[in-house]
Amino acid sequence: MKKTKSSLKPCTIVLNAEILNQFKLVAKEHKFPLSRFLNDCMKEYLNVSRVNGFNKDVTLQVGIRNFQSQDK
């Protein structure tokens, strides 16, 4: 299979302040990197929405990984 070189295309995702604050509070509470938490949430959202459809609001239960345990 021929490999094609992909280029990054800019895109925009709009989060309102209330939703972003929810992410920030949970990330801070669990001492969790915000970017990693957002990434995990999006993965979980995609998994859930494949089943439930993309046009519905989804309440996610995301497992917070404990990074401190990896330092030992």
C-alpha atoms as a PDB file:
ATOM      1  CA  MET A   1       0.000   0.000   0.000  1.00  0.00           C
ATOM      2  CA  LYS A   2       1.373   3.388  -0.963  1.00  0.00           C
ATOM      3  CA  LYS A   3       2.036   5.709   1.939  1.00  0.00           C
ATOM      4  CA  THR A   4       0.757   9.226   1.474  1.00  0.00           C
ATOM      5  CA  LYS A   5       2.168  12.150   3.352  1.00  0.00           C
ATOM      6  CA  SER A   6      -0.535  13.812   5.388  1.00  0.00           C
ATOM      7  CA  SER A   7      -0.554  17.463   6.251  1.00  0.00           C
ATOM      8  CA  LEU A   8      -2.213  18.946   9.290  1.00  0.00           C
ATOM      9  CA  LYS A   9      -5.247  21.036   8.534  1.00  0.00           C
ATOM     10  CA  PRO A  10      -6.392  23.682  10.995  1.00  0.00           C
ATOM     11  CA  CYS A  11      -9.743  23.128  12.620  1.00  0.00           C
ATOM     12  CA  THR A  12     -11.806  24.864  15.260  1.00  0.00           C
ATOM     13  CA  ILE A  13     -13.713  23.353  18.137  1.00  0.00           C
ATOM     14  CA  VAL A  14     -15.858  25.659  20.240  1.00  0.00           C
ATOM     15  CA  LEU A  15     -16.214  24.957  23.953  1.00  0.00           C
ATOM     16  CA  ASN A  16     -18.322  27.284  26.020  1.00  0.00           C
ATOM     17  CA  ALA A  17     -16.844  28.602  29.273  1.00  0.00           C
ATOM     18  CA  GLU A  18     -19.108  26.469  31.466  1.00  0.00           C
ATOM     19  CA  ILE A  19     -18.029  23.212  29.798  1.00  0.00           C
ATOM     20  CA  LEU A  20     -14.352  24.191  29.795  1.00  0.00           C
ATOM     21  CA  ASN A  21     -14.554  25.041  33.498  1.00  0.00           C
ATOM     22  CA  GLN A  22     -15.984  21.567  34.181  1.00  0.00           C
ATOM     23  CA  PHE A  23     -12.945  20.040  32.470  1.00  0.00           C
ATOM     24  CA  LYS A  24     -10.546  22.329  34.341  1.00  0.00           C
ATOM     25  CA  LEU A  25     -12.093  21.624  37.748  1.00  0.00           C
ATOM     26  CA  VAL A  26     -11.968  17.850  37.325  1.00  0.00           C
ATOM     27  CA  ALA A  27      -8.416  17.951  35.962  1.00  0.00           C
ATOM     28  CA  LYS A  28      -7.270  20.169  38.845  1.00  0.00           C
ATOM     29  CA  GLU A  29      -9.064  18.077  41.477  1.00  0.00           C
ATOM     30  CA  HIS A  30      -7.310  14.919  40.290  1.00  0.00           C
ATOM     31  CA  LYS A  31      -3.979  16.648  39.498  1.00  0.00           C
ATOM     32  CA  PHE A  32      -4.457  15.441  35.942  1.00  0.00           C
ATOM     33  CA  PRO A  33      -3.036  17.156  32.813  1.00  0.00           C
ATOM     34  CA  LEU A  34      -5.915  19.023  31.163  1.00  0.00           C
ATOM     35  CA  SER A  35      -4.878  18.124  27.602  1.00  0.00           C
ATOM     36  CA  ARG A  36      -4.692  14.412  28.451  1.00  0.00           C
ATOM     37  CA  PHE A  37      -8.071  14.569  30.185  1.00  0.00           C
ATOM     38  CA  LEU A  38      -9.682  16.286  27.167  1.00  0.00           C
ATOM     39  CA  ASN A  39      -8.157  13.627  24.924  1.00  0.00           C
ATOM     40  CA  ASP A  40      -9.520  10.786  27.077  1.00  0.00           C
ATOM     41  CA  CYS A  41     -12.943  12.439  27.160  1.00  0.00           C
ATOM     42  CA  MET A  42     -13.057  12.765  23.374  1.00  0.00           C
ATOM     43  CA  LYS A  43     -12.067   9.117  22.910  1.00  0.00           C
ATOM     44  CA  GLU A  44     -14.795   8.068  25.322  1.00  0.00           C
ATOM     45  CA  TYR A  45     -17.295  10.380  23.607  1.00  0.00           C
ATOM     46  CA  LEU A  46     -16.545   8.798  20.237  1.00  0.00           C
ATOM     47  CA  ASN A  47     -16.992   5.309  21.705  1.00  0.00           C
ATOM     48  CA  VAL A  48     -20.315   6.233  23.302  1.00  0.00           C
ATOM     49  CA  SER A  49     -21.662   8.220  20.363  1.00  0.00           C
ATOM     50  CA  ARG A  50     -21.022   5.379  17.903  1.00  0.00           C
ATOM     51  CA  VAL A  51     -23.690   3.505  19.809  1.00  0.00           C
ATOM     52  CA  ASN A  52     -25.994   6.380  20.751  1.00  0.00           C
ATOM     53  CA  GLY A  53     -25.671   8.665  17.732  1.00  0.00           C
ATOM     54  CA  PHE A  54     -23.681  11.878  17.417  1.00  0.00           C
ATOM     55  CA  ASN A  55     -26.501  14.375  17.882  1.00  0.00           C
ATOM     56  CA  LYS A  56     -27.254  13.611  21.509  1.00  0.00           C
ATOM     57  CA  ASP A  57     -25.779  15.044  24.677  1.00  0.00           C
ATOM     58  CA  VAL A  58     -23.632  12.466  26.411  1.00  0.00           C
ATOM     59  CA  THR A  59     -22.724  12.178  30.080  1.00  0.00           C
ATOM     60  CA  LEU A  60     -19.290  10.610  30.261  1.00  0.00           C
ATOM     61  CA  GLN A  61     -17.834   8.475  33.009  1.00  0.00           C
ATOM     62  CA  VAL A  62     -14.110   8.767  32.334  1.00  0.00           C
ATOM     63  CA  GLY A  63     -11.582   6.811  34.357  1.00  0.00           C
ATOM     64  CA  ILE A  64      -8.851   9.073  35.696  1.00  0.00           C
ATOM     65  CA  ARG A  65      -5.487   7.396  35.314  1.00  0.00           C
ATOM     66  CA  ASN A  66      -3.178   7.796  38.274  1.00  0.00           C
ATOM     67  CA  PHE A  67       0.134   9.092  36.945  1.00  0.00           C
ATOM     68  CA  GLN A  68       1.840   9.092  40.354  1.00  0.00           C
ATOM     69  CA  SER A  69       1.872   5.291  40.413  1.00  0.00           C
ATOM     70  CA  GLN A  70       3.945   5.224  37.213  1.00  0.00           C
ATOM     71  CA  ASP A  71       6.794   7.145  38.870  1.00  0.00           C
ATOM     72  CA  LYS A  72       7.757   4.286  41.203  1.00  0.00           C
END
